[in-house]
Protein backbone atom coordinates (compact mmCIF):
# COMPACT_ATOMS: atom_id res chain seq x y z
CA GLN A 1 36.93 9.74 -81.36
CA ASP A 2 37.47 13.22 -82.81
CA ARG A 3 39.21 15.50 -80.31
CA CYS A 4 37.04 18.39 -81.45
CA THR A 5 33.78 16.64 -80.61
CA PRO A 6 32.38 18.11 -77.41
CA ARG A 7 31.93 15.66 -74.58
CA THR A 8 29.06 15.88 -72.16
CA ALA A 9 30.15 15.60 -68.56
CA GLN A 10 28.47 12.83 -66.64
CA PRO A 11 26.70 13.86 -63.47
CA ALA A 12 28.54 13.10 -60.27
CA PRO A 13 27.18 10.08 -58.42
CA LYS A 14 24.82 10.99 -55.61
CA ASP A 15 26.20 10.67 -52.11
CA GLN A 16 24.67 7.72 -50.26
CA GLY A 17 23.68 9.97 -47.36
CA GLN A 18 21.63 12.26 -49.53
CA THR A 19 19.66 9.44 -51.09
CA ALA A 20 19.24 7.59 -47.78
CA GLY A 21 17.84 10.69 -46.04
CA TYR A 22 19.82 10.34 -42.81
CA SER A 23 18.27 11.76 -39.67
CA LEU A 24 19.76 12.47 -36.24
CA ASN A 25 16.33 12.87 -34.62
CA GLY A 26 16.10 11.09 -31.29
CA ASN A 27 18.28 10.20 -28.32
CA TRP A 28 21.96 9.31 -28.33
CA GLN A 29 24.66 8.29 -25.83
CA PHE A 30 28.34 9.15 -26.09
CA ARG A 31 31.78 8.43 -24.71
CA ALA A 32 34.48 11.09 -25.11
CA SER A 33 38.24 11.12 -24.56
CA CYS A 34 39.88 14.52 -24.26
CA PRO A 35 43.38 15.89 -23.63
CA LEU A 36 44.78 15.75 -20.08
CA LEU A 37 43.26 12.26 -19.67
CA ILE A 38 39.74 13.65 -19.30
CA ARG A 39 37.06 11.04 -19.99
CA THR A 40 33.34 11.67 -19.99
CA THR A 41 30.10 9.97 -20.97
CA GLY A 42 26.67 11.41 -21.50
CA SER A 43 23.54 11.77 -23.54
CA GLN A 44 22.20 14.07 -26.18
CA SER A 45 19.06 14.48 -28.21
CA PHE A 46 18.44 16.04 -31.62
CA ARG A 47 15.53 17.41 -33.59
CA ARG A 48 15.54 18.41 -37.26
CA THR A 49 15.59 22.17 -37.87
CA GLY A 50 16.10 22.15 -41.66
CA SER A 51 16.60 19.76 -44.56
CA ASN A 52 20.07 18.78 -43.33
CA THR A 53 20.38 20.61 -39.98
CA PHE A 54 19.70 19.43 -36.44
CA GLN A 55 19.73 21.07 -33.03
CA GLY A 56 19.93 19.46 -29.62
CA THR A 57 21.03 19.37 -26.02
CA LEU A 58 24.02 17.53 -24.61
CA LYS A 59 24.58 16.54 -20.95
CA ASP A 60 27.78 14.89 -19.75
CA SER A 61 28.99 13.02 -16.68
CA LEU A 62 31.02 16.06 -15.58
CA GLY A 63 27.77 17.97 -14.97
CA GLN A 64 28.05 20.13 -18.09
CA THR A 65 25.20 20.99 -20.45
CA ALA A 66 25.56 22.33 -23.99
CA THR A 67 23.45 23.14 -27.00
CA THR A 68 24.48 21.47 -30.23
CA GLN A 69 24.01 22.23 -33.90
CA VAL A 70 24.85 19.76 -36.65
CA THR A 71 24.86 20.10 -40.41
CA LEU A 72 24.89 16.86 -42.41
CA SER A 73 26.42 16.66 -45.87
CA GLY A 74 25.87 13.05 -46.83
CA ARG A 75 27.47 11.29 -43.85
CA ARG A 76 29.88 14.14 -43.04
CA MET A 77 28.92 16.16 -39.96
CA ASP A 78 29.89 19.72 -39.07
CA LEU A 79 29.29 20.44 -35.38
CA VAL A 80 28.96 23.47 -33.14
CA ILE A 81 28.77 22.69 -29.41
CA ARG A 82 28.04 25.62 -27.11
CA PHE A 83 28.89 25.15 -23.43
CA PRO A 84 28.55 28.13 -21.08
CA GLY A 85 31.72 30.14 -21.69
CA VAL A 86 33.16 28.10 -24.58
CA THR A 87 32.10 27.12 -28.08
CA LEU A 88 33.62 24.04 -29.72
CA TYR A 89 33.71 23.22 -33.42
CA GLY A 90 34.13 19.77 -34.85
CA THR A 91 33.63 17.30 -37.62
CA GLY A 92 32.28 13.80 -37.64
CA THR A 93 31.28 10.86 -39.77
CA LEU A 94 27.92 9.13 -39.52
CA ALA A 95 27.96 5.33 -39.94
CA THR A 96 26.29 3.99 -43.07
CA ASP A 97 23.40 2.59 -41.01
CA GLY A 98 22.80 6.04 -39.45
CA ASN A 99 22.89 4.67 -35.89
CA SER A 100 26.33 5.79 -34.71
CA TYR A 101 28.99 8.36 -35.45
CA THR A 102 32.43 9.56 -34.39
CA THR A 103 33.56 13.15 -33.90
CA VAL A 104 36.68 15.21 -33.24
CA THR A 105 36.45 18.76 -31.86
CA ASN A 106 38.90 21.63 -32.01
CA ASN A 107 39.92 21.11 -28.36
CA GLY A 108 41.10 17.58 -29.18
CA CYS A 109 38.16 15.59 -27.80
CA LYS A 110 37.26 12.42 -29.69
CA SER A 111 33.79 10.96 -29.23
CA SER A 112 31.97 7.77 -30.11
CA VAL A 113 28.20 8.22 -30.24
CA TRP A 114 25.38 5.70 -30.66
CA ARG A 115 21.62 5.92 -31.02
CA VAL A 116 19.47 4.81 -28.07
CA GLY A 117 16.01 5.85 -29.18
């Protein structure tokens, strides 16, 4: 092929999450492991607030309550978790079936989360 012939770039393949239309709406349970051997379990619920954004409430076994905001980009999750007095930021990955995910927050907590309704 002639090196001077312009080539048309092929479009990038669509991310599976965008075509599958993942949703976090509903109820979830979680298990978290944090530094200093802190372990907690709890529940959270989400509702859609935009095309790829969700807001919810989290309650854990330590008696804490937080508001949560999640932005989905395909299966990648960007999280903001607001407890009274501290705001945590994290990232996560949604499973391909959309029914579970894992997260890591800036304070070192790692969570496994699964859909319950």
